Amino acid sequence: MDSKLSFKSYAVVGMMLFALFFGAGNLIFPAQLGQYAGTNVWIAIFGFLITGVGLPLLGILAIGYSKSNDLQDLSSRVHPVYGLIFTAMLYLTIGPFFALPRTGAVSYEVGVAPFIGAGNATIGLLIFSLIFFGVSLVVSLNPTKIVDSIGKVLSPAILLTLGVLLVAAFVKPMGNQEAPQPVYKSDAFFTGFTEGYNTMDALASLVFGIIVISAVRKMGVNSPKGVLMATLKSGVVASALLAIVYTGIAYLGSTSTATLGLMETGGPVLSGASDYYFGTFGAMLLAVIIILACLTTAIGLTVANAEFFHKLTPKIGYKTYVVIFSVFHWS
């Protein structure tokens, strides 16, 4: 018989899932969308939410509904060879070959580099990478504590620090929304719809869904129906948080153009907004947001990759894979 979970339990797992999804790109893409969409920001963000939030939620639910043990089990329904190749490629793509290195590089570039001189960039990146992936390694070595580490500590910290900036943007906008750029003038919805894919969360959901299912099972929910309902409730919490944050960042971007000018990416938009509202403190606030967001994603991807490849090659331990992936980024 399944244990009865409280709303607090669903909220904690949901906030863990939110933090796993919410990496650097999730901050940058909505800010850029807001700037380019201007007065059409609400139409554009609606399209963005369908692919940036809706598809990841469906991915989480698909894993829960399928009653599969993991992604390889699910994809092997096509063919066992396909299941192995597809799963391995997906894990490597959103893990050590692409997304994992980006978490460290972006958090350093946006959160740390502005505070150190150009002459210290190389040594600064080395030291930061050692600390960043060192913390990720320590937390990842104990996957049973991932809900407590991320859901109860890191996720609330991200929401609190980011909330300060977004509240300031709504209370005192930097300026008026300007006319949309050509692509957002004629096709705001479909452009936003396409941009939502750039978060890569639709792919990541197939990986993070396993972490959610593992978490709810450790809480005493094991029946297929119970796992599905727990996954649905936790996924809704995460999706609601993502939708609120994306909308707030897009609005901030849409009101920033008159003051900051039109930026090529969303990073300078957030940096400029932080400096506009809070000066030096704002830059430090943004650094905390970026580093925490990237760190939680790095932890989730490290855990997921280590668990998958340990299952694939049981003779190599889970903790060994965690160390391998962490050292891979240090090198």
C-alpha atoms as a PDB file:
ATOM      1  CA  MET A   1       0.000   0.000   0.000  1.00  0.00           C
ATOM      2  CA  ASP A   2       1.263   3.444  -0.943  1.00  0.00           C
ATOM      3  CA  SER A   3       2.175   6.024   1.661  1.00  0.00           C
ATOM      4  CA  LYS A   4      -0.018   9.110   1.610  1.00  0.00           C
ATOM      5  CA  LEU A   5       2.081  12.113   0.662  1.00  0.00           C
ATOM      6  CA  SER A   6       1.312  15.600   1.922  1.00  0.00           C
ATOM      7  CA  PHE A   7       1.164  18.687  -0.261  1.00  0.00           C
ATOM      8  CA  LYS A   8       4.512  19.679   1.261  1.00  0.00           C
ATOM      9  CA  SER A   9       6.060  16.492  -0.115  1.00  0.00           C
ATOM     10  CA  TYR A  10       4.750  17.194  -3.611  1.00  0.00           C
ATOM     11  CA  ALA A  11       5.924  20.800  -3.319  1.00  0.00           C
ATOM     12  CA  VAL A  12       9.453  19.770  -2.310  1.00  0.00           C
ATOM     13  CA  VAL A  13       9.741  17.259  -5.177  1.00  0.00           C
ATOM     14  CA  GLY A  14       8.224  19.831  -7.545  1.00  0.00           C
ATOM     15  CA  MET A  15      10.738  22.476  -6.473  1.00  0.00           C
ATOM     16  CA  MET A  16      13.528  19.962  -6.941  1.00  0.00           C
ATOM     17  CA  LEU A  17      12.286  19.327 -10.494  1.00  0.00           C
ATOM     18  CA  PHE A  18      11.997  23.071 -11.133  1.00  0.00           C
ATOM     19  CA  ALA A  19      15.604  23.587 -10.056  1.00  0.00           C
ATOM     20  CA  LEU A  20      16.831  20.693 -12.203  1.00  0.00           C
ATOM     21  CA  PHE A  21      15.176  22.211 -15.262  1.00  0.00           C
ATOM     22  CA  PHE A  22      16.101  25.796 -14.477  1.00  0.00           C
ATOM     23  CA  GLY A  23      19.603  26.293 -15.856  1.00  0.00           C
ATOM     24  CA  ALA A  24      21.381  29.241 -17.437  1.00  0.00           C
ATOM     25  CA  GLY A  25      19.539  29.014 -20.756  1.00  0.00           C
ATOM     26  CA  ASN A  26      16.224  29.209 -18.936  1.00  0.00           C
ATOM     27  CA  LEU A  27      17.241  32.654 -17.695  1.00  0.00           C
ATOM     28  CA  ILE A  28      18.742  33.941 -20.925  1.00  0.00           C
ATOM     29  CA  PHE A  29      16.201  32.851 -23.567  1.00  0.00           C
ATOM     30  CA  PRO A  30      13.087  34.514 -22.040  1.00  0.00           C
ATOM     31  CA  ALA A  31      14.998  37.765 -21.473  1.00  0.00           C
ATOM     32  CA  GLN A  32      16.038  37.908 -25.113  1.00  0.00           C
ATOM     33  CA  LEU A  33      12.525  36.966 -26.215  1.00  0.00           C
ATOM     34  CA  GLY A  34      11.107  39.838 -24.169  1.00  0.00           C
ATOM     35  CA  GLN A  35      13.425  42.371 -25.744  1.00  0.00           C
ATOM     36  CA  TYR A  36      12.723  41.295 -29.301  1.00  0.00           C
ATOM     37  CA  ALA A  37       8.983  40.760 -28.829  1.00  0.00           C
ATOM     38  CA  GLY A  38       8.348  44.170 -27.227  1.00  0.00           C
ATOM     39  CA  THR A  39       4.640  44.923 -27.173  1.00  0.00           C
ATOM     40  CA  ASN A  40       3.919  41.407 -28.469  1.00  0.00           C
ATOM     41  CA  VAL A  41       5.624  39.796 -25.477  1.00  0.00           C
ATOM     42  CA  TRP A  42       2.454  38.168 -24.128  1.00  0.00           C
ATOM     43  CA  ILE A  43       1.714  36.401 -27.420  1.00  0.00           C
ATOM     44  CA  ALA A  44       5.337  35.312 -27.762  1.00  0.00           C
ATOM     45  CA  ILE A  45       5.678  34.039 -24.192  1.00  0.00           C
ATOM     46  CA  PHE A  46       2.479  32.017 -24.599  1.00  0.00           C
ATOM     47  CA  GLY A  47       4.088  30.134 -27.484  1.00  0.00           C
ATOM     48  CA  PHE A  48       7.303  29.800 -25.482  1.00  0.00           C
ATOM     49  CA  LEU A  49       5.452  28.275 -22.521  1.00  0.00           C
ATOM     50  CA  ILE A  50       3.856  25.581 -24.673  1.00  0.00           C
ATOM     51  CA  THR A  51       7.219  24.132 -25.719  1.00  0.00           C
ATOM     52  CA  GLY A  52       9.342  25.350 -22.801  1.00  0.00           C
ATOM     53  CA  VAL A  53       6.939  24.175 -20.068  1.00  0.00           C
ATOM     54  CA  GLY A  54       4.188  22.076 -21.665  1.00  0.00           C
ATOM     55  CA  LEU A  55       6.436  19.601 -23.469  1.00  0.00           C
ATOM     56  CA  PRO A  56       8.681  18.962 -20.433  1.00  0.00           C
ATOM     57  CA  LEU A  57       5.567  18.287 -18.345  1.00  0.00           C
ATOM     58  CA  LEU A  58       4.337  15.809 -20.956  1.00  0.00           C
ATOM     59  CA  GLY A  59       7.769  14.173 -20.928  1.00  0.00           C
ATOM     60  CA  ILE A  60       7.642  13.742 -17.154  1.00  0.00           C
ATOM     61  CA  LEU A  61       4.125  12.298 -17.373  1.00  0.00           C
ATOM     62  CA  ALA A  62       5.117   9.969 -20.224  1.00  0.00           C
ATOM     63  CA  ILE A  63       7.820   8.420 -18.061  1.00  0.00           C
ATOM     64  CA  GLY A  64       5.407   8.069 -15.144  1.00  0.00           C
ATOM     65  CA  TYR A  65       2.582   6.672 -17.286  1.00  0.00           C
ATOM     66  CA  SER A  66       4.758   4.203 -19.175  1.00  0.00           C
ATOM     67  CA  LYS A  67       5.547   2.185 -16.034  1.00  0.00           C
ATOM     68  CA  SER A  68       9.085   1.947 -17.398  1.00  0.00           C
ATOM     69  CA  ASN A  69      12.052   1.551 -15.107  1.00  0.00           C
ATOM     70  CA  ASP A  70      14.041   4.111 -17.051  1.00  0.00           C
ATOM     71  CA  LEU A  71      14.380   5.796 -20.448  1.00  0.00           C
ATOM     72  CA  GLN A  72      16.188   2.827 -21.992  1.00  0.00           C
ATOM     73  CA  ASP A  73      13.366   0.562 -20.909  1.00  0.00           C
ATOM     74  CA  LEU A  74      10.858   2.906 -22.556  1.00  0.00           C
ATOM     75  CA  SER A  75      12.769   3.469 -25.813  1.00  0.00           C
ATOM     76  CA  SER A  76      13.579  -0.247 -26.135  1.00  0.00           C
ATOM     77  CA  ARG A  77       9.926  -0.799 -26.994  1.00  0.00           C
ATOM     78  CA  VAL A  78      10.942   0.336 -30.483  1.00  0.00           C
ATOM     79  CA  HIS A  79      13.927  -2.043 -30.541  1.00  0.00           C
ATOM     80  CA  PRO A  80      16.544  -2.961 -27.910  1.00  0.00           C
ATOM     81  CA  VAL A  81      19.429  -1.643 -30.036  1.00  0.00           C
ATOM     82  CA  TYR A  82      17.554   1.588 -30.708  1.00  0.00           C
ATOM     83  CA  GLY A  83      16.805   1.914 -26.994  1.00  0.00           C
ATOM     84  CA  LEU A  84      20.465   1.607 -26.070  1.00  0.00           C
ATOM     85  CA  ILE A  85      21.780   3.986 -28.745  1.00  0.00           C
ATOM     86  CA  PHE A  86      19.044   6.592 -28.320  1.00  0.00           C
ATOM     87  CA  THR A  87      19.361   6.645 -24.528  1.00  0.00           C
ATOM     88  CA  ALA A  88      23.160   6.800 -24.532  1.00  0.00           C
ATOM     89  CA  MET A  89      23.205   9.628 -27.087  1.00  0.00           C
ATOM     90  CA  LEU A  90      20.570  11.598 -25.182  1.00  0.00           C
ATOM     91  CA  TYR A  91      22.404  11.272 -21.861  1.00  0.00           C
ATOM     92  CA  LEU A  92      25.724  12.262 -23.415  1.00  0.00           C
ATOM     93  CA  THR A  93      24.146  15.220 -25.245  1.00  0.00           C
ATOM     94  CA  ILE A  94      22.478  16.763 -22.213  1.00  0.00           C
ATOM     95  CA  GLY A  95      25.374  15.612 -20.044  1.00  0.00           C
ATOM     96  CA  PRO A  96      29.168  15.726 -20.496  1.00  0.00           C
ATOM     97  CA  PHE A  97      29.229  16.588 -24.201  1.00  0.00           C
ATOM     98  CA  PHE A  98      27.094  19.733 -24.098  1.00  0.00           C
ATOM     99  CA  ALA A  99      24.838  20.841 -21.264  1.00  0.00           C
ATOM    100  CA  LEU A 100      27.081  19.982 -18.298  1.00  0.00           C
ATOM    101  CA  PRO A 101      30.112  22.003 -19.489  1.00  0.00           C
ATOM    102  CA  ARG A 102      27.755  24.875 -20.323  1.00  0.00           C
ATOM    103  CA  THR A 103      26.550  25.069 -16.718  1.00  0.00           C
ATOM    104  CA  GLY A 104      30.051  25.844 -15.493  1.00  0.00           C
ATOM    105  CA  ALA A 105      31.036  28.104 -18.405  1.00  0.00           C
ATOM    106  CA  VAL A 106      27.893  30.263 -18.317  1.00  0.00           C
ATOM    107  CA  SER A 107      27.811  30.606 -14.539  1.00  0.00           C
ATOM    108  CA  TYR A 108      31.441  31.764 -14.607  1.00  0.00           C
ATOM    109  CA  GLU A 109      30.990  34.112 -17.567  1.00  0.00           C
ATOM    110  CA  VAL A 110      27.875  35.842 -16.230  1.00  0.00           C
ATOM    111  CA  GLY A 111      28.265  35.423 -12.474  1.00  0.00           C
ATOM    112  CA  VAL A 112      31.999  35.643 -11.788  1.00  0.00           C
ATOM    113  CA  ALA A 113      33.940  37.105 -14.735  1.00  0.00           C
ATOM    114  CA  PRO A 114      32.544  40.676 -14.262  1.00  0.00           C
ATOM    115  CA  PHE A 115      34.173  40.809 -10.808  1.00  0.00           C
ATOM    116  CA  ILE A 116      37.707  39.862 -11.867  1.00  0.00           C
ATOM    117  CA  GLY A 117      40.122  41.454 -14.282  1.00  0.00           C
ATOM    118  CA  ALA A 118      40.715  40.157 -17.791  1.00  0.00           C
ATOM    119  CA  GLY A 119      44.275  39.248 -16.824  1.00  0.00           C
ATOM    120  CA  ASN A 120      42.992  36.800 -14.225  1.00  0.00           C
ATOM    121  CA  ALA A 121      40.409  35.147 -16.468  1.00  0.00           C
ATOM    122  CA  THR A 122      42.269  31.847 -16.997  1.00  0.00           C
ATOM    123  CA  ILE A 123      43.180  31.215 -13.375  1.00  0.00           C
ATOM    124  CA  GLY A 124      39.763  32.495 -12.306  1.00  0.00           C
ATOM    125  CA  LEU A 125      37.982  30.000 -14.556  1.00  0.00           C
ATOM    126  CA  LEU A 126      40.193  27.167 -13.273  1.00  0.00           C
ATOM    127  CA  ILE A 127      39.521  27.961  -9.614  1.00  0.00           C
ATOM    128  CA  PHE A 128      35.801  28.487 -10.192  1.00  0.00           C
ATOM    129  CA  SER A 129      35.487  25.220 -12.138  1.00  0.00           C
ATOM    130  CA  LEU A 130      37.212  23.315  -9.321  1.00  0.00           C
ATOM    131  CA  ILE A 131      34.811  24.758  -6.755  1.00  0.00           C
ATOM    132  CA  PHE A 132      31.673  24.542  -8.925  1.00  0.00           C
ATOM    133  CA  PHE A 133      32.091  20.951 -10.057  1.00  0.00           C
ATOM    134  CA  GLY A 134      33.530  20.031  -6.660  1.00  0.00           C
ATOM    135  CA  VAL A 135      30.283  21.045  -4.976  1.00  0.00           C
ATOM    136  CA  SER A 136      28.343  19.247  -7.710  1.00  0.00           C
ATOM    137  CA  LEU A 137      30.447  16.129  -7.094  1.00  0.00           C
ATOM    138  CA  VAL A 138      29.887  16.150  -3.320  1.00  0.00           C
ATOM    139  CA  VAL A 139      26.105  16.472  -3.633  1.00  0.00           C
ATOM    140  CA  SER A 140      25.924  13.964  -6.500  1.00  0.00           C
ATOM    141  CA  LEU A 141      27.765  11.304  -4.489  1.00  0.00           C
ATOM    142  CA  ASN A 142      24.679  10.994  -2.278  1.00  0.00           C
ATOM    143  CA  PRO A 143      21.721  10.806  -4.706  1.00  0.00           C
ATOM    144  CA  THR A 144      19.365   9.759  -1.899  1.00  0.00           C
ATOM    145  CA  LYS A 145      19.718  13.260  -0.470  1.00  0.00           C
ATOM    146  CA  ILE A 146      19.060  15.076  -3.739  1.00  0.00           C
ATOM    147  CA  VAL A 147      15.494  16.032  -2.723  1.00  0.00           C
ATOM    148  CA  ASP A 148      16.720  17.586   0.525  1.00  0.00           C
ATOM    149  CA  SER A 149      19.733  19.262  -1.106  1.00  0.00           C
ATOM    150  CA  ILE A 150      17.897  20.769  -4.064  1.00  0.00           C
ATOM    151  CA  GLY A 151      14.191  20.756  -3.220  1.00  0.00           C
ATOM    152  CA  LYS A 152      14.550  22.136   0.301  1.00  0.00           C
ATOM    153  CA  VAL A 153      17.650  24.348   0.003  1.00  0.00           C
ATOM    154  CA  LEU A 154      18.868  25.351  -3.466  1.00  0.00           C
ATOM    155  CA  SER A 155      15.499  25.732  -5.193  1.00  0.00           C
ATOM    156  CA  PRO A 156      13.997  28.109  -2.586  1.00  0.00           C
ATOM    157  CA  ALA A 157      17.234  30.117  -2.714  1.00  0.00           C
ATOM    158  CA  ILE A 158      16.909  30.504  -6.494  1.00  0.00           C
ATOM    159  CA  LEU A 159      13.260  31.548  -6.254  1.00  0.00           C
ATOM    160  CA  LEU A 160      13.972  34.037  -3.471  1.00  0.00           C
ATOM    161  CA  THR A 161      16.888  35.779  -5.182  1.00  0.00           C
ATOM    162  CA  LEU A 162      15.224  35.816  -8.604  1.00  0.00           C
ATOM    163  CA  GLY A 163      11.944  36.975  -7.067  1.00  0.00           C
ATOM    164  CA  VAL A 164      13.626  40.121  -5.707  1.00  0.00           C
ATOM    165  CA  LEU A 165      14.691  41.143  -9.220  1.00  0.00           C
ATOM    166  CA  LEU A 166      11.346  40.321 -10.876  1.00  0.00           C
ATOM    167  CA  VAL A 167       9.295  42.141  -8.239  1.00  0.00           C
ATOM    168  CA  ALA A 168      11.422  45.246  -8.837  1.00  0.00           C
ATOM    169  CA  ALA A 169      10.812  44.934 -12.589  1.00  0.00           C
ATOM    170  CA  PHE A 170       7.017  44.826 -12.128  1.00  0.00           C
ATOM    171  CA  VAL A 171       6.871  47.559  -9.484  1.00  0.00           C
ATOM    172  CA  LYS A 172       9.181  49.926 -11.347  1.00  0.00           C
ATOM    173  CA  PRO A 173       9.635  49.003 -15.032  1.00  0.00           C
ATOM    174  CA  MET A 174      12.788  50.308 -16.694  1.00  0.00           C
ATOM    175  CA  GLY A 175      10.749  51.772 -19.537  1.00  0.00           C
ATOM    176  CA  ASN A 176       7.847  51.244 -21.900  1.00  0.00           C
ATOM    177  CA  GLN A 177       7.557  48.229 -24.155  1.00  0.00           C
ATOM    178  CA  GLU A 178       8.728  49.111 -27.642  1.00  0.00           C
ATOM    179  CA  ALA A 179       7.681  47.915 -31.090  1.00  0.00           C
ATOM    180  CA  PRO A 180       8.568  44.264 -31.759  1.00  0.00           C
ATOM    181  CA  GLN A 181      11.393  43.263 -34.048  1.00  0.00           C
ATOM    182  CA  PRO A 182      10.247  42.076 -37.519  1.00  0.00           C
ATOM    183  CA  VAL A 183      10.102  38.348 -36.736  1.00  0.00           C
ATOM    184  CA  TYR A 184       8.040  38.969 -33.609  1.00  0.00           C
ATOM    185  CA  LYS A 185       5.841  41.482 -35.387  1.00  0.00           C
ATOM    186  CA  SER A 186       4.458  38.991 -37.908  1.00  0.00           C
ATOM    187  CA  ASP A 187       4.919  35.633 -36.132  1.00  0.00           C
ATOM    188  CA  ALA A 188       5.201  36.327 -32.413  1.00  0.00           C
ATOM    189  CA  PHE A 189       3.465  33.152 -31.292  1.00  0.00           C
ATOM    190  CA  PHE A 190       5.301  30.719 -33.561  1.00  0.00           C
ATOM    191  CA  THR A 191       8.663  32.379 -32.935  1.00  0.00           C
ATOM    192  CA  GLY A 192       8.139  32.034 -29.196  1.00  0.00           C
ATOM    193  CA  PHE A 193       6.919  28.476 -29.785  1.00  0.00           C
ATOM    194  CA  THR A 194      10.183  27.655 -31.568  1.00  0.00           C
ATOM    195  CA  GLU A 195      12.352  29.406 -28.974  1.00  0.00           C
ATOM    196  CA  GLY A 196      10.907  27.221 -26.229  1.00  0.00           C
ATOM    197  CA  TYR A 197      12.745  24.236 -27.688  1.00  0.00           C
ATOM    198  CA  ASN A 198      16.087  25.955 -27.027  1.00  0.00           C
ATOM    199  CA  THR A 199      15.808  25.276 -23.299  1.00  0.00           C
ATOM    200  CA  MET A 200      16.380  21.566 -24.116  1.00  0.00           C
ATOM    201  CA  ASP A 201      13.953  20.738 -21.299  1.00  0.00           C
ATOM    202  CA  ALA A 202      11.802  18.553 -23.550  1.00  0.00           C
ATOM    203  CA  LEU A 203      14.774  16.188 -23.826  1.00  0.00           C
ATOM    204  CA  ALA A 204      15.860  16.654 -20.221  1.00  0.00           C
ATOM    205  CA  SER A 205      12.374  15.720 -18.979  1.00  0.00           C
ATOM    206  CA  LEU A 206      12.938  12.134 -20.130  1.00  0.00           C
ATOM    207  CA  VAL A 207      15.969  12.018 -17.853  1.00  0.00           C
ATOM    208  CA  PHE A 208      14.695  14.048 -14.897  1.00  0.00           C
ATOM    209  CA  GLY A 209      11.443  12.085 -14.900  1.00  0.00           C
ATOM    210  CA  ILE A 210      13.383   9.063 -13.639  1.00  0.00           C
ATOM    211  CA  ILE A 211      14.792  11.146 -10.753  1.00  0.00           C
ATOM    212  CA  VAL A 212      11.265  12.234  -9.789  1.00  0.00           C
ATOM    213  CA  ILE A 213       9.929   8.677  -9.908  1.00  0.00           C
ATOM    214  CA  SER A 214      12.869   7.460  -7.829  1.00  0.00           C
ATOM    215  CA  ALA A 215      12.201  10.201  -5.276  1.00  0.00           C
ATOM    216  CA  VAL A 216       8.496   9.408  -4.862  1.00  0.00           C
ATOM    217  CA  ARG A 217       9.209   5.695  -4.600  1.00  0.00           C
ATOM    218  CA  LYS A 218      11.635   6.379  -1.763  1.00  0.00           C
ATOM    219  CA  MET A 219       8.780   8.241  -0.061  1.00  0.00           C
ATOM    220  CA  GLY A 220       6.711   5.054  -0.091  1.00  0.00           C
ATOM    221  CA  VAL A 221       4.725   5.391  -3.343  1.00  0.00           C
ATOM    222  CA  ASN A 222       5.227   2.316  -5.528  1.00  0.00           C
ATOM    223  CA  SER A 223       1.971   1.418  -7.315  1.00  0.00           C
ATOM    224  CA  PRO A 224       1.766   2.482 -10.993  1.00  0.00           C
ATOM    225  CA  LYS A 225      -1.252   4.704 -10.313  1.00  0.00           C
ATOM    226  CA  GLY A 226       0.353   6.235  -7.229  1.00  0.00           C
ATOM    227  CA  VAL A 227       3.597   6.964  -9.068  1.00  0.00           C
ATOM    228  CA  LEU A 228       1.686   8.565 -11.957  1.00  0.00           C
ATOM    229  CA  MET A 229      -0.373  10.810  -9.661  1.00  0.00           C
ATOM    230  CA  ALA A 230       2.657  11.807  -7.595  1.00  0.00           C
ATOM    231  CA  THR A 231       4.563  12.572 -10.792  1.00  0.00           C
ATOM    232  CA  LEU A 232       1.640  14.621 -12.117  1.00  0.00           C
ATOM    233  CA  LYS A 233       1.286  16.705  -8.940  1.00  0.00           C
ATOM    234  CA  SER A 234       5.025  17.310  -8.624  1.00  0.00           C
ATOM    235  CA  GLY A 235       5.250  18.125 -12.334  1.00  0.00           C
ATOM    236  CA  VAL A 236       2.439  20.666 -12.069  1.00  0.00           C
ATOM    237  CA  VAL A 237       4.262  22.416  -9.210  1.00  0.00           C
ATOM    238  CA  ALA A 238       7.464  22.597 -11.252  1.00  0.00           C
ATOM    239  CA  SER A 239       5.634  23.715 -14.402  1.00  0.00           C
ATOM    240  CA  ALA A 240       3.767  26.478 -12.563  1.00  0.00           C
ATOM    241  CA  LEU A 241       7.016  27.823 -11.122  1.00  0.00           C
ATOM    242  CA  LEU A 242       8.724  27.703 -14.523  1.00  0.00           C
ATOM    243  CA  ALA A 243       5.787  29.482 -16.197  1.00  0.00           C
ATOM    244  CA  ILE A 244       5.757  32.270 -13.588  1.00  0.00           C
ATOM    245  CA  VAL A 245       9.514  32.801 -13.798  1.00  0.00           C
ATOM    246  CA  TYR A 246       9.617  32.717 -17.618  1.00  0.00           C
ATOM    247  CA  THR A 247       6.784  35.236 -17.833  1.00  0.00           C
ATOM    248  CA  GLY A 248       8.449  37.550 -15.327  1.00  0.00           C
ATOM    249  CA  ILE A 249      11.812  37.443 -17.097  1.00  0.00           C
ATOM    250  CA  ALA A 250      10.189  38.026 -20.502  1.00  0.00           C
ATOM    251  CA  TYR A 251       8.321  41.045 -19.126  1.00  0.00           C
ATOM    252  CA  LEU A 252      11.553  42.395 -17.641  1.00  0.00           C
ATOM    253  CA  GLY A 253      13.213  42.027 -21.038  1.00  0.00           C
ATOM    254  CA  SER A 254      10.341  43.741 -22.850  1.00  0.00           C
ATOM    255  CA  THR A 255      10.638  46.854 -20.646  1.00  0.00           C
ATOM    256  CA  SER A 256      14.441  47.042 -20.823  1.00  0.00           C
ATOM    257  CA  THR A 257      15.091  47.978 -24.445  1.00  0.00           C
ATOM    258  CA  ALA A 258      14.658  51.736 -24.067  1.00  0.00           C
ATOM    259  CA  THR A 259      17.171  51.810 -21.202  1.00  0.00           C
ATOM    260  CA  LEU A 260      19.668  49.102 -22.153  1.00  0.00           C
ATOM    261  CA  GLY A 261      19.326  48.986 -25.911  1.00  0.00           C
ATOM    262  CA  LEU A 262      18.713  45.854 -27.978  1.00  0.00           C
ATOM    263  CA  MET A 263      21.087  43.080 -26.861  1.00  0.00           C
ATOM    264  CA  GLU A 264      22.244  40.082 -28.880  1.00  0.00           C
ATOM    265  CA  THR A 265      21.626  37.664 -25.991  1.00  0.00           C
ATOM    266  CA  GLY A 266      19.685  37.625 -22.754  1.00  0.00           C
ATOM    267  CA  GLY A 267      22.712  37.594 -20.453  1.00  0.00           C
ATOM    268  CA  PRO A 268      23.507  41.334 -20.751  1.00  0.00           C
ATOM    269  CA  VAL A 269      19.790  42.098 -20.327  1.00  0.00           C
ATOM    270  CA  LEU A 270      19.772  40.459 -16.910  1.00  0.00           C
ATOM    271  CA  SER A 271      23.125  42.013 -15.988  1.00  0.00           C
ATOM    272  CA  GLY A 272      21.939  45.447 -17.036  1.00  0.00           C
ATOM    273  CA  ALA A 273      18.640  45.074 -15.207  1.00  0.00           C
ATOM    274  CA  SER A 274      20.379  43.950 -12.020  1.00  0.00           C
ATOM    275  CA  ASP A 275      22.750  46.902 -12.161  1.00  0.00           C
ATOM    276  CA  TYR A 276      19.881  49.304 -12.949  1.00  0.00           C
ATOM    277  CA  TYR A 277      17.833  48.298  -9.924  1.00  0.00           C
ATOM    278  CA  PHE A 278      20.469  47.428  -7.349  1.00  0.00           C
ATOM    279  CA  GLY A 279      23.898  48.589  -8.532  1.00  0.00           C
ATOM    280  CA  THR A 280      26.801  46.448  -7.293  1.00  0.00           C
ATOM    281  CA  PHE A 281      24.441  44.493  -5.075  1.00  0.00           C
ATOM    282  CA  GLY A 282      22.410  43.682  -8.183  1.00  0.00           C
ATOM    283  CA  ALA A 283      25.445  42.225  -9.930  1.00  0.00           C
ATOM    284  CA  MET A 284      26.096  40.058  -6.891  1.00  0.00           C
ATOM    285  CA  LEU A 285      22.427  39.048  -6.782  1.00  0.00           C
ATOM    286  CA  LEU A 286      22.532  37.971 -10.424  1.00  0.00           C
ATOM    287  CA  ALA A 287      25.735  36.031  -9.777  1.00  0.00           C
ATOM    288  CA  VAL A 288      23.995  34.075  -7.002  1.00  0.00           C
ATOM    289  CA  ILE A 289      20.973  33.365  -9.233  1.00  0.00           C
ATOM    290  CA  ILE A 290      23.096  32.190 -12.164  1.00  0.00           C
ATOM    291  CA  ILE A 291      25.434  30.019 -10.097  1.00  0.00           C
ATOM    292  CA  LEU A 292      22.619  28.368  -8.135  1.00  0.00           C
ATOM    293  CA  ALA A 293      20.573  27.731 -11.281  1.00  0.00           C
ATOM    294  CA  CYS A 294      23.529  26.179 -13.081  1.00  0.00           C
ATOM    295  CA  LEU A 295      24.642  24.204 -10.029  1.00  0.00           C
ATOM    296  CA  THR A 296      21.283  22.490  -9.549  1.00  0.00           C
ATOM    297  CA  THR A 297      21.167  21.527 -13.218  1.00  0.00           C
ATOM    298  CA  ALA A 298      24.756  20.229 -13.072  1.00  0.00           C
ATOM    299  CA  ILE A 299      23.902  18.071 -10.050  1.00  0.00           C
ATOM    300  CA  GLY A 300      20.810  16.614 -11.690  1.00  0.00           C
ATOM    301  CA  LEU A 301      22.613  15.811 -14.935  1.00  0.00           C
ATOM    302  CA  THR A 302      25.592  14.291 -13.124  1.00  0.00           C
ATOM    303  CA  VAL A 303      23.342  12.033 -11.029  1.00  0.00           C
ATOM    304  CA  ALA A 304      21.284  10.971 -14.038  1.00  0.00           C
ATOM    305  CA  ASN A 305      24.313  10.191 -16.213  1.00  0.00           C
ATOM    306  CA  ALA A 306      26.157   8.333 -13.456  1.00  0.00           C
ATOM    307  CA  GLU A 307      23.109   6.204 -12.659  1.00  0.00           C
ATOM    308  CA  PHE A 308      22.514   5.329 -16.326  1.00  0.00           C
ATOM    309  CA  PHE A 309      26.101   4.370 -17.171  1.00  0.00           C
ATOM    310  CA  HIS A 310      26.493   2.473 -13.897  1.00  0.00           C
ATOM    311  CA  LYS A 311      23.445   0.403 -14.847  1.00  0.00           C
ATOM    312  CA  LEU A 312      24.898  -0.086 -18.329  1.00  0.00           C
ATOM    313  CA  THR A 313      28.275  -1.237 -16.951  1.00  0.00           C
ATOM    314  CA  PRO A 314      27.664  -2.483 -13.380  1.00  0.00           C
ATOM    315  CA  LYS A 315      31.345  -3.305 -12.808  1.00  0.00           C
ATOM    316  CA  ILE A 316      32.054   0.439 -12.703  1.00  0.00           C
ATOM    317  CA  GLY A 317      30.483   1.931  -9.590  1.00  0.00           C
ATOM    318  CA  TYR A 318      28.041   4.848  -9.481  1.00  0.00           C
ATOM    319  CA  LYS A 319      30.439   6.999  -7.458  1.00  0.00           C
ATOM    320  CA  THR A 320      33.235   6.237  -9.894  1.00  0.00           C
ATOM    321  CA  TYR A 321      31.136   7.637 -12.731  1.00  0.00           C
ATOM    322  CA  VAL A 322      30.341  10.746 -10.688  1.00  0.00           C
ATOM    323  CA  VAL A 323      34.074  11.324 -10.227  1.00  0.00           C
ATOM    324  CA  ILE A 324      34.771  10.625 -13.920  1.00  0.00           C
ATOM    325  CA  PHE A 325      32.208  13.163 -15.123  1.00  0.00           C
ATOM    326  CA  SER A 326      33.404  15.775 -12.615  1.00  0.00           C
ATOM    327  CA  VAL A 327      37.085  15.328 -13.507  1.00  0.00           C
ATOM    328  CA  PHE A 328      36.136  15.416 -17.194  1.00  0.00           C
ATOM    329  CA  HIS A 329      34.961  19.013 -16.721  1.00  0.00           C
ATOM    330  CA  TRP A 330      37.914  20.008 -14.553  1.00  0.00           C
ATOM    331  CA  SER A 331      40.233  18.872 -17.306  1.00  0.00           C
END
